[in-house]
């Protein structure tokens, strides 16, 4: 999309919305392109959260058990308590 500087000033919010959807907006002065308004490439908040959650799930699937035999923290603590000498 191409707009003059005057049009761009009057409709900046609209042009920013277009750019955020991925459309490049070229701003002209006296018929020559002087600037380009483009998307920052930042994911939408919902998409960012979902990508983060999926990354955590993938890492969790790859994790090895933290202890030999895959004991849980509760099992380790119970075993430790049994072995204490007072």
N, C-alpha and C. Protein backbone atom coordinates (compact mmCIF):
# COMPACT_ATOMS: atom_id res chain seq x y z
N UNK A 1 0.85 -1.16 0.00
CA UNK A 1 0.00 0.00 0.00
C UNK A 1 0.91 1.23 0.00
N UNK A 2 0.48 2.25 -0.69
CA UNK A 2 1.27 3.48 -0.78
C UNK A 2 0.38 4.65 -0.40
N UNK A 3 0.87 5.51 0.48
CA UNK A 3 0.11 6.68 0.94
C UNK A 3 1.04 7.89 0.98
N UNK A 4 0.45 9.06 0.80
CA UNK A 4 1.24 10.29 0.92
C UNK A 4 1.46 10.59 2.39
N UNK A 5 2.39 11.46 2.65
CA UNK A 5 2.67 11.85 4.03
C UNK A 5 1.44 12.48 4.66
N UNK A 6 0.75 13.31 3.91
CA UNK A 6 -0.46 13.96 4.43
C UNK A 6 -1.52 12.93 4.80
N UNK A 7 -1.75 11.96 3.92
CA UNK A 7 -2.72 10.89 4.22
C UNK A 7 -2.27 10.08 5.44
N UNK A 8 -0.98 9.83 5.52
CA UNK A 8 -0.44 9.03 6.62
C UNK A 8 -0.64 9.70 7.96
N UNK A 9 -0.48 11.02 7.98
CA UNK A 9 -0.69 11.76 9.23
C UNK A 9 -2.14 11.66 9.67
N UNK A 10 -3.04 11.74 8.70
CA UNK A 10 -4.47 11.73 9.02
C UNK A 10 -4.98 10.36 9.44
N UNK A 11 -4.35 9.31 8.93
CA UNK A 11 -4.85 7.95 9.17
C UNK A 11 -3.78 7.02 9.73
N UNK A 12 -2.96 7.55 10.62
CA UNK A 12 -1.84 6.75 11.14
C UNK A 12 -2.32 5.48 11.84
N UNK A 13 -3.35 5.57 12.66
CA UNK A 13 -3.84 4.38 13.37
C UNK A 13 -4.25 3.27 12.39
N UNK A 14 -4.93 3.65 11.33
CA UNK A 14 -5.36 2.70 10.32
C UNK A 14 -4.16 2.06 9.62
N UNK A 15 -3.16 2.86 9.32
CA UNK A 15 -1.97 2.34 8.64
C UNK A 15 -1.16 1.42 9.55
N UNK A 16 -1.10 1.76 10.83
CA UNK A 16 -0.40 0.89 11.78
C UNK A 16 -1.12 -0.45 11.88
N UNK A 17 -2.43 -0.42 11.87
CA UNK A 17 -3.20 -1.67 11.91
C UNK A 17 -2.89 -2.52 10.67
N UNK A 18 -2.84 -1.89 9.52
CA UNK A 18 -2.51 -2.63 8.29
C UNK A 18 -1.12 -3.23 8.38
N UNK A 19 -0.16 -2.45 8.85
CA UNK A 19 1.21 -2.94 8.97
C UNK A 19 1.31 -4.09 9.96
N UNK A 20 0.57 -4.00 11.06
CA UNK A 20 0.63 -5.06 12.06
C UNK A 20 0.07 -6.38 11.53
N UNK A 21 -0.79 -6.30 10.52
CA UNK A 21 -1.32 -7.51 9.89
C UNK A 21 -0.37 -8.05 8.81
N UNK A 22 0.75 -7.37 8.60
CA UNK A 22 1.76 -7.87 7.67
C UNK A 22 1.86 -7.13 6.36
N UNK A 23 1.05 -6.11 6.17
CA UNK A 23 1.08 -5.36 4.93
C UNK A 23 2.08 -4.21 5.04
N UNK A 24 2.96 -4.06 4.08
CA UNK A 24 3.90 -2.94 4.08
C UNK A 24 3.19 -1.69 3.60
N UNK A 25 3.43 -0.58 4.29
CA UNK A 25 2.84 0.71 3.92
C UNK A 25 4.00 1.63 3.53
N UNK A 26 4.00 2.09 2.30
CA UNK A 26 5.04 2.99 1.82
C UNK A 26 4.51 4.41 1.89
N UNK A 27 5.31 5.31 2.47
CA UNK A 27 4.92 6.70 2.63
C UNK A 27 5.73 7.54 1.66
N UNK A 28 5.02 8.35 0.87
CA UNK A 28 5.68 9.14 -0.16
C UNK A 28 5.63 10.63 0.16
N UNK A 29 6.64 11.32 -0.33
CA UNK A 29 6.70 12.79 -0.27
C UNK A 29 7.01 13.25 -1.68
N UNK A 30 6.11 14.01 -2.22
CA UNK A 30 6.24 14.50 -3.60
C UNK A 30 6.49 13.37 -4.60
N UNK A 31 5.78 12.28 -4.39
CA UNK A 31 5.86 11.17 -5.33
C UNK A 31 7.00 10.19 -5.13
N UNK A 32 7.89 10.46 -4.17
CA UNK A 32 9.01 9.55 -3.92
C UNK A 32 8.83 8.86 -2.57
N UNK A 33 9.08 7.56 -2.56
CA UNK A 33 8.97 6.80 -1.32
C UNK A 33 10.07 7.27 -0.37
N UNK A 34 9.64 7.69 0.83
CA UNK A 34 10.59 8.18 1.83
C UNK A 34 10.66 7.28 3.06
N UNK A 35 9.61 6.48 3.27
CA UNK A 35 9.59 5.64 4.47
C UNK A 35 8.70 4.42 4.22
N UNK A 36 8.92 3.43 5.04
CA UNK A 36 8.10 2.22 4.98
C UNK A 36 7.66 1.86 6.38
N UNK A 37 6.38 1.60 6.54
CA UNK A 37 5.82 1.15 7.81
C UNK A 37 5.57 -0.34 7.66
N UNK A 38 6.16 -1.13 8.54
CA UNK A 38 6.07 -2.58 8.42
C UNK A 38 5.85 -3.20 9.78
N UNK A 39 5.45 -4.44 9.80
CA UNK A 39 5.19 -5.16 11.04
C UNK A 39 6.49 -5.33 11.84
N UNK A 40 6.37 -5.26 13.14
CA UNK A 40 7.53 -5.47 14.01
C UNK A 40 7.88 -6.95 14.11
N UNK A 41 6.99 -7.83 13.66
CA UNK A 41 7.27 -9.26 13.68
C UNK A 41 7.12 -9.89 15.04
N UNK A 42 6.47 -9.20 15.96
CA UNK A 42 6.26 -9.73 17.30
C UNK A 42 4.97 -10.53 17.31
N UNK A 43 5.01 -11.77 17.81
CA UNK A 43 3.79 -12.58 17.83
C UNK A 43 2.71 -11.95 18.72
N UNK A 44 1.47 -12.27 18.43
CA UNK A 44 0.37 -11.80 19.25
C UNK A 44 0.48 -12.44 20.63
N UNK A 45 0.01 -11.76 21.70
CA UNK A 45 0.16 -12.30 23.05
C UNK A 45 -0.36 -13.72 23.22
N UNK A 46 -1.51 -14.04 22.66
CA UNK A 46 -2.05 -15.40 22.77
C UNK A 46 -1.16 -16.42 22.10
N UNK A 47 -0.65 -16.09 20.94
CA UNK A 47 0.22 -16.99 20.20
C UNK A 47 1.54 -17.15 20.93
N UNK A 48 2.03 -16.09 21.52
CA UNK A 48 3.29 -16.15 22.25
C UNK A 48 3.15 -17.09 23.43
N UNK A 49 2.06 -16.98 24.16
CA UNK A 49 1.82 -17.85 25.31
C UNK A 49 1.70 -19.30 24.91
N UNK A 50 1.02 -19.56 23.80
CA UNK A 50 0.85 -20.94 23.34
C UNK A 50 2.18 -21.52 22.88
N UNK A 51 2.99 -20.72 22.20
CA UNK A 51 4.31 -21.19 21.77
C UNK A 51 5.18 -21.51 22.98
N UNK A 52 5.10 -20.68 23.99
CA UNK A 52 5.87 -20.89 25.22
C UNK A 52 5.42 -22.18 25.91
N UNK A 53 4.12 -22.39 25.98
CA UNK A 53 3.60 -23.59 26.63
C UNK A 53 4.02 -24.84 25.86
N UNK A 54 3.98 -24.78 24.53
CA UNK A 54 4.39 -25.93 23.73
C UNK A 54 5.88 -26.21 23.91
N UNK A 55 6.69 -25.17 24.02
CA UNK A 55 8.12 -25.37 24.26
C UNK A 55 8.36 -26.05 25.60
N UNK A 56 7.61 -25.65 26.61
CA UNK A 56 7.74 -26.29 27.93
C UNK A 56 7.32 -27.76 27.86
N UNK A 57 6.24 -28.04 27.15
CA UNK A 57 5.81 -29.43 27.02
C UNK A 57 6.86 -30.27 26.30
N UNK A 58 7.46 -29.72 25.25
CA UNK A 58 8.49 -30.44 24.51
C UNK A 58 9.70 -30.71 25.39
N UNK A 59 10.10 -29.71 26.15
CA UNK A 59 11.25 -29.91 27.06
C UNK A 59 10.94 -30.95 28.12
N UNK A 60 9.72 -30.93 28.62
CA UNK A 60 9.33 -31.89 29.65
C UNK A 60 9.39 -33.32 29.10
N UNK A 61 8.95 -33.50 27.84
CA UNK A 61 8.98 -34.83 27.24
C UNK A 61 10.42 -35.33 27.07
N UNK A 62 11.36 -34.43 26.86
CA UNK A 62 12.76 -34.81 26.65
C UNK A 62 13.52 -35.04 27.95
N UNK A 63 12.97 -34.57 29.06
CA UNK A 63 13.69 -34.65 30.34
C UNK A 63 13.91 -36.09 30.76
N UNK A 64 15.07 -36.31 31.34
CA UNK A 64 15.39 -37.60 31.92
C UNK A 64 15.00 -37.53 33.39
N UNK A 65 14.72 -38.67 33.99
CA UNK A 65 14.42 -38.64 35.42
C UNK A 65 15.59 -38.02 36.18
N UNK A 66 15.33 -37.18 37.18
CA UNK A 66 16.40 -36.49 37.89
C UNK A 66 17.26 -37.40 38.75
N UNK A 67 16.76 -38.56 39.09
CA UNK A 67 17.53 -39.47 39.94
C UNK A 67 17.52 -40.86 39.33
N UNK A 68 18.49 -41.68 39.69
CA UNK A 68 18.49 -43.06 39.20
C UNK A 68 17.20 -43.75 39.62
N UNK A 69 16.59 -44.44 38.71
CA UNK A 69 15.35 -45.14 39.04
C UNK A 69 14.13 -44.26 38.93
N UNK A 70 14.31 -42.97 38.68
CA UNK A 70 13.19 -42.07 38.52
C UNK A 70 12.40 -41.82 39.79
N UNK A 71 13.07 -41.74 40.93
CA UNK A 71 12.38 -41.49 42.18
C UNK A 71 11.80 -40.08 42.21
N UNK A 72 10.67 -39.95 42.87
CA UNK A 72 10.08 -38.63 43.05
C UNK A 72 10.72 -37.97 44.27
N UNK A 73 10.52 -36.68 44.40
CA UNK A 73 11.07 -35.96 45.56
C UNK A 73 10.49 -36.50 46.86
N UNK A 74 9.22 -36.88 46.82
CA UNK A 74 8.60 -37.43 48.03
C UNK A 74 9.27 -38.74 48.45
N UNK A 75 9.60 -39.58 47.46
CA UNK A 75 10.27 -40.85 47.76
C UNK A 75 11.67 -40.61 48.31
N UNK A 76 12.37 -39.66 47.76
CA UNK A 76 13.73 -39.34 48.24
C UNK A 76 13.67 -38.84 49.67
N UNK A 77 12.73 -37.95 49.97
CA UNK A 77 12.60 -37.42 51.34
C UNK A 77 12.21 -38.52 52.32
N UNK A 78 11.30 -39.39 51.93
CA UNK A 78 10.89 -40.49 52.82
C UNK A 78 12.07 -41.40 53.11
N UNK A 79 12.86 -41.72 52.08
CA UNK A 79 14.03 -42.57 52.25
C UNK A 79 15.05 -41.89 53.16
N UNK A 80 15.23 -40.60 53.00
CA UNK A 80 16.16 -39.84 53.83
C UNK A 80 15.73 -39.87 55.30
N UNK A 81 14.43 -39.70 55.52
CA UNK A 81 13.93 -39.73 56.89
C UNK A 81 14.15 -41.09 57.54
N UNK A 82 13.98 -42.14 56.78
CA UNK A 82 14.17 -43.51 57.32
C UNK A 82 15.63 -43.74 57.70
N UNK A 83 16.55 -43.14 56.98
CA UNK A 83 17.96 -43.39 57.21
C UNK A 83 18.58 -42.49 58.27
N UNK A 84 17.81 -41.56 58.81
CA UNK A 84 18.37 -40.64 59.81
C UNK A 84 18.61 -41.37 61.13
N UNK A 85 19.69 -41.00 61.79
CA UNK A 85 20.00 -41.57 63.09
C UNK A 85 19.99 -40.43 64.10
N UNK A 86 19.21 -40.61 65.15
CA UNK A 86 19.12 -39.56 66.18
C UNK A 86 19.82 -39.95 67.41
